[in-house]
Protein backbone atom coordinates (compact mmCIF):
# COMPACT_ATOMS: atom_id res chain seq x y z
CA MET A 1 0.08 0.26 0.00
CA ASN A 2 1.14 3.49 -0.79
CA PHE A 3 0.46 6.71 0.91
CA ASP A 4 -2.12 7.71 -1.71
CA ARG A 5 -5.00 6.66 1.06
CA THR A 6 -7.04 8.50 2.91
CA ASN A 7 -5.86 9.17 6.50
CA HIS A 8 -8.40 5.79 7.99
CA LEU A 9 -7.11 3.05 4.93
CA PHE A 10 -3.49 3.68 5.43
CA ALA A 11 -3.87 3.93 9.60
CA ASP A 12 -5.82 0.42 9.08
CA HIS A 13 -3.23 -0.72 6.62
CA LEU A 14 -0.31 0.50 8.82
CA ASP A 15 -1.71 -1.26 12.38
CA SER A 16 -1.75 -4.64 10.03
CA SER A 17 1.58 -4.14 8.27
CA LYS A 18 4.78 -4.96 9.73
CA THR A 19 7.10 -3.56 7.20
CA PHE A 20 7.66 0.25 6.00
CA VAL A 21 9.67 1.09 2.79
CA ILE A 22 11.34 4.19 2.78
CA PRO A 23 12.52 4.44 -1.19
CA VAL A 24 15.73 6.98 -1.38
CA GLY A 25 15.73 8.73 -4.85
CA SER A 26 18.64 10.93 -6.38
CA VAL A 27 18.96 14.29 -8.81
CA GLU A 28 21.98 13.52 -10.68
CA TYR A 29 23.30 13.69 -14.05
CA HIS A 30 23.00 10.89 -16.20
CA GLY A 31 24.38 11.85 -19.67
CA GLN A 32 22.23 13.46 -22.56
CA HIS A 33 20.18 10.57 -22.95
CA LEU A 34 19.08 9.71 -18.92
CA PRO A 35 16.41 12.65 -17.18
CA VAL A 36 18.59 13.62 -13.95
CA THR A 37 15.63 11.75 -11.97
CA THR A 38 17.17 8.10 -13.43
CA ASP A 39 17.58 6.32 -10.39
CA THR A 40 14.54 7.77 -8.55
CA ILE A 41 12.45 6.13 -11.49
CA ILE A 42 14.04 2.90 -11.12
CA THR A 43 13.80 2.94 -7.11
CA ASN A 44 10.15 3.53 -7.57
CA ALA A 45 9.29 0.99 -10.08
CA LEU A 46 11.25 -1.69 -7.78
CA VAL A 47 9.12 -0.63 -4.54
CA ASN A 48 5.71 -0.64 -7.04
CA GLU A 49 6.36 -4.28 -7.62
CA LEU A 50 7.22 -5.55 -4.38
CA GLY A 51 3.96 -3.44 -2.94
CA ARG A 52 2.29 -5.42 -5.71
CA GLN A 53 3.84 -8.26 -4.78
CA ARG A 54 3.51 -8.60 -1.53
CA PRO A 55 0.85 -6.20 -0.50
CA ASP A 56 -0.46 -7.48 2.76
CA SER A 57 2.90 -6.95 4.38
CA VAL A 58 4.51 -3.48 3.55
CA VAL A 59 3.77 0.03 3.74
CA ILE A 60 5.49 2.29 0.57
CA GLY A 61 6.02 5.59 2.46
CA PRO A 62 6.67 8.53 -0.24
CA THR A 63 10.37 8.66 -2.35
CA ILE A 64 13.23 10.60 -0.92
CA PRO A 65 13.91 12.81 -4.04
CA TYR A 66 17.30 14.08 -2.80
CA SER A 67 20.32 12.25 -1.37
CA VAL A 68 24.21 11.31 -2.05
CA SER A 69 26.05 11.91 -5.11
CA ARG A 70 29.62 11.95 -5.10
CA GLY A 71 30.61 10.74 -8.88
CA SER A 72 28.85 13.63 -10.64
CA ARG A 73 28.67 16.53 -7.73
CA ASN A 74 29.70 19.05 -10.08
CA ALA A 75 28.27 18.01 -13.09
CA PRO A 76 25.04 19.87 -14.19
CA GLY A 77 21.88 18.80 -12.85
CA THR A 78 22.94 17.08 -9.33
CA PHE A 79 22.35 17.89 -6.29
CA SER A 80 23.72 16.24 -3.44
CA ILE A 81 22.96 16.38 0.24
CA ALA A 82 25.52 15.19 2.65
CA GLU A 83 25.81 11.59 3.83
CA GLU A 84 25.06 12.41 7.62
CA ILE A 85 22.03 13.97 6.78
CA LEU A 86 20.35 11.38 4.47
CA ALA A 87 20.89 9.07 7.49
CA GLN A 88 19.90 11.03 10.05
CA THR A 89 16.78 11.60 7.85
CA LEU A 90 16.59 7.67 7.61
CA ARG A 91 16.82 7.18 11.40
CA SER A 92 14.29 10.13 12.20
CA LEU A 93 11.29 8.99 9.71
CA ALA A 94 12.08 5.27 11.48
CA SER A 95 11.38 6.71 14.39
CA CYS A 96 7.98 7.75 14.00
CA LEU A 97 6.74 4.41 13.40
CA PRO A 98 5.16 1.90 16.19
CA PRO A 99 8.46 -0.32 17.57
CA SER A 100 6.63 -3.24 16.02
CA MET A 101 7.10 -2.61 12.42
CA THR A 102 10.22 -2.65 10.58
CA THR A 103 11.37 0.13 8.14
CA ILE A 104 13.88 -0.62 4.76
CA ALA A 105 15.20 1.62 2.93
CA VAL A 106 15.21 0.98 -0.77
CA SER A 107 17.67 2.80 -3.21
CA ALA A 108 18.84 2.29 -6.72
CA HIS A 109 21.63 4.86 -6.25
CA GLY A 110 24.56 3.21 -5.17
CA ASP A 111 26.42 6.16 -3.41
CA ASN A 112 23.24 6.30 -0.60
CA LEU A 113 24.75 3.02 0.37
CA GLY A 114 26.53 4.63 3.36
CA ALA A 115 23.90 6.32 4.59
CA MET A 116 21.89 3.50 4.74
CA ILE A 117 24.79 1.50 7.02
CA ASP A 118 24.88 4.84 9.07
CA ALA A 119 21.18 4.95 9.57
CA GLY A 120 21.18 1.96 11.43
CA ILE A 121 18.15 0.03 9.61
CA PRO A 122 17.65 -2.27 6.99
CA PHE A 123 18.30 -1.91 3.07
CA TRP A 124 18.79 -2.69 -0.20
CA VAL A 125 20.52 -1.38 -3.29
CA PRO A 126 21.35 -3.16 -6.60
CA ARG A 127 24.34 -5.42 -6.81
CA ILE A 128 25.80 -6.15 -9.48
CA HIS A 129 26.34 -9.63 -8.79
CA ILE A 130 22.56 -10.39 -8.78
CA LEU A 131 22.69 -9.22 -13.05
CA VAL A 132 25.88 -11.92 -13.75
CA ASP A 133 23.91 -14.58 -11.28
CA ALA A 134 20.51 -14.01 -13.20
CA ALA A 135 22.33 -14.04 -17.00
CA THR A 136 23.62 -17.79 -15.59
CA ARG A 137 20.62 -19.21 -14.20
CA TRP A 138 18.50 -17.69 -17.54
CA GLU A 139 21.11 -18.58 -19.77
CA LEU A 140 20.79 -15.54 -21.79
CA PRO A 141 22.66 -15.16 -24.80
CA ALA A 142 26.64 -13.32 -24.32
CA THR A 143 25.00 -10.34 -26.72
CA ALA A 144 22.59 -9.00 -23.22
CA ALA A 145 26.03 -7.16 -22.33
CA GLY A 146 23.52 -5.00 -20.02
CA MET A 147 23.26 -8.28 -17.91
CA TRP A 148 26.67 -9.94 -18.29
CA SER A 149 29.10 -6.86 -18.04
CA PRO A 150 26.94 -4.57 -15.72
CA ASP A 151 27.69 -0.81 -16.11
CA SER A 152 26.89 1.29 -12.88
CA HIS A 153 25.80 4.94 -14.49
CA ALA A 154 24.51 6.04 -17.59
CA GLY A 155 25.52 3.40 -19.85
CA ARG A 156 23.97 0.41 -21.12
CA THR A 157 22.19 -1.15 -17.85
CA GLU A 158 20.59 2.15 -16.87
CA THR A 159 19.54 3.10 -20.16
CA SER A 160 17.88 -0.23 -21.28
CA MET A 161 16.24 -0.13 -17.72
CA LEU A 162 14.59 3.09 -18.33
CA LEU A 163 13.76 1.74 -21.86
CA ALA A 164 11.63 -0.75 -20.06
CA ILE A 165 9.89 0.91 -17.46
CA ALA A 166 9.95 4.74 -19.02
CA PRO A 167 10.94 4.81 -22.73
CA GLU A 168 9.52 8.25 -23.03
CA ALA A 169 12.03 9.23 -20.61
CA VAL A 170 15.22 8.57 -22.89
CA SER A 171 16.09 10.70 -25.35
CA ALA A 172 18.77 10.72 -28.56
CA THR A 173 19.00 7.94 -31.16
CA PRO A 174 20.35 4.32 -30.36
CA GLU A 175 23.80 3.56 -31.34
CA PRO A 176 24.13 -0.28 -33.71
CA PRO A 177 24.34 -2.96 -31.48
CA ILE A 178 27.74 -4.09 -30.47
CA GLN A 179 28.79 -7.33 -31.89
CA ALA A 180 27.72 -10.77 -30.46
CA VAL A 181 30.43 -11.90 -27.92
CA THR A 182 31.27 -14.05 -25.22
CA PRO A 183 30.24 -13.38 -21.48
CA GLU A 184 34.00 -13.28 -20.92
CA GLN A 185 34.63 -10.99 -23.85
CA ALA A 186 31.98 -9.27 -22.93
CA THR A 187 33.48 -8.63 -19.41
CA ASN A 188 36.72 -7.81 -20.95
CA ARG A 189 35.40 -5.22 -23.03
CA PHE A 190 33.38 -3.50 -20.34
CA ARG A 191 36.64 -3.47 -18.40
CA ASP A 192 39.01 -2.04 -21.19
CA SER A 193 36.55 0.69 -21.87
CA ILE A 194 36.46 1.68 -18.26
CA ALA A 195 40.46 1.67 -18.14
CA ILE A 196 40.36 3.85 -21.65
CA ASP A 197 37.90 6.32 -21.10
CA PRO A 198 36.79 6.33 -17.07
CA GLY A 199 33.82 9.13 -18.30
CA ALA A 200 32.84 6.82 -21.32
CA GLU A 201 29.68 5.65 -19.48
CA HIS A 202 28.25 9.35 -19.66
CA GLY A 203 28.35 9.78 -22.80
CA SER A 204 25.58 9.17 -25.83
CA TYR A 205 22.81 6.80 -25.94
CA PRO A 206 24.77 3.58 -25.15
CA GLY A 207 24.80 0.56 -28.26
CA GLY A 208 23.25 -1.90 -27.81
CA ALA A 209 20.83 -1.14 -24.84
CA ASN A 210 17.25 -2.55 -25.48
CA GLN A 211 13.75 -2.74 -23.96
CA GLU A 212 14.05 -6.67 -23.81
CA GLU A 213 17.08 -6.85 -21.42
CA GLY A 214 16.26 -3.99 -19.59
CA LEU A 215 12.60 -6.26 -18.53
CA ALA A 216 14.94 -8.66 -17.81
CA ILE A 217 17.33 -6.34 -15.81
CA MET A 218 14.65 -4.96 -13.60
CA ALA A 219 13.28 -8.65 -13.55
CA ALA A 220 16.68 -9.83 -11.38
CA PHE A 221 16.76 -7.02 -9.39
CA SER A 222 12.74 -7.22 -7.97
CA ASP A 223 13.31 -10.72 -7.89
CA ASP A 224 16.35 -9.99 -5.46
CA LEU A 225 14.58 -7.25 -3.20
CA ILE A 226 11.55 -9.65 -3.17
CA ALA A 227 13.70 -12.04 -1.72
CA CYS A 228 15.40 -9.84 0.91
CA PHE A 229 12.36 -8.66 1.78
CA ASP A 230 10.76 -12.28 2.61
CA ASP A 231 14.22 -13.23 4.57
CA LEU A 232 13.98 -9.49 6.64
CA PHE A 233 9.82 -10.38 6.96
CA ARG A 234 10.65 -13.95 8.32
CA SER A 235 13.89 -13.01 10.73
CA ARG A 236 10.99 -10.55 12.54
């Protein structure tokens, strides 16, 4: 359940639920092809799917729009707050809830990890190995480079995710798809590109990004978030 309910409906659901989810977004430069709210869009899509899958067990709060952005701090369109401010905000929000409820912070923005740890509440952030593990389980072809060799910021992985959940927010014309390679070659090519040009992922629309791959990426992250939620729920 989300906050878009009247007070008595929200209060009733809060009493019957055990977990309160705080989505944490970001406002950060994501190249010329993705919106500055990319991480917020992804975070909201993931927590909404959690709410859909576990409607009786979770209350989803409003998203915190601003957070910690180190890597793109001086780039146009980036707004960042101090890590200790975000940590204190999360602690303060958690303190508003009954002791019987568990608060979990969810963010698709990796720079928020330190604040979530400092806040002392359970949290979820994307982990790269989740995509590689899913690609292995699902026996995806090597051409699914957004999963076999995930990039962390504004590259093929995030662009594919946005094409899946908010295609209207993606601009620019895609480059030709990359040539099919083996998973090992894909990983090596990714590492080589980072070594040559650390800023390459901030450039134009990454070649090979596509909606189908984005759906697979979102499914992998969503499955992991739900699994983490279920583990937390069982432990309480």
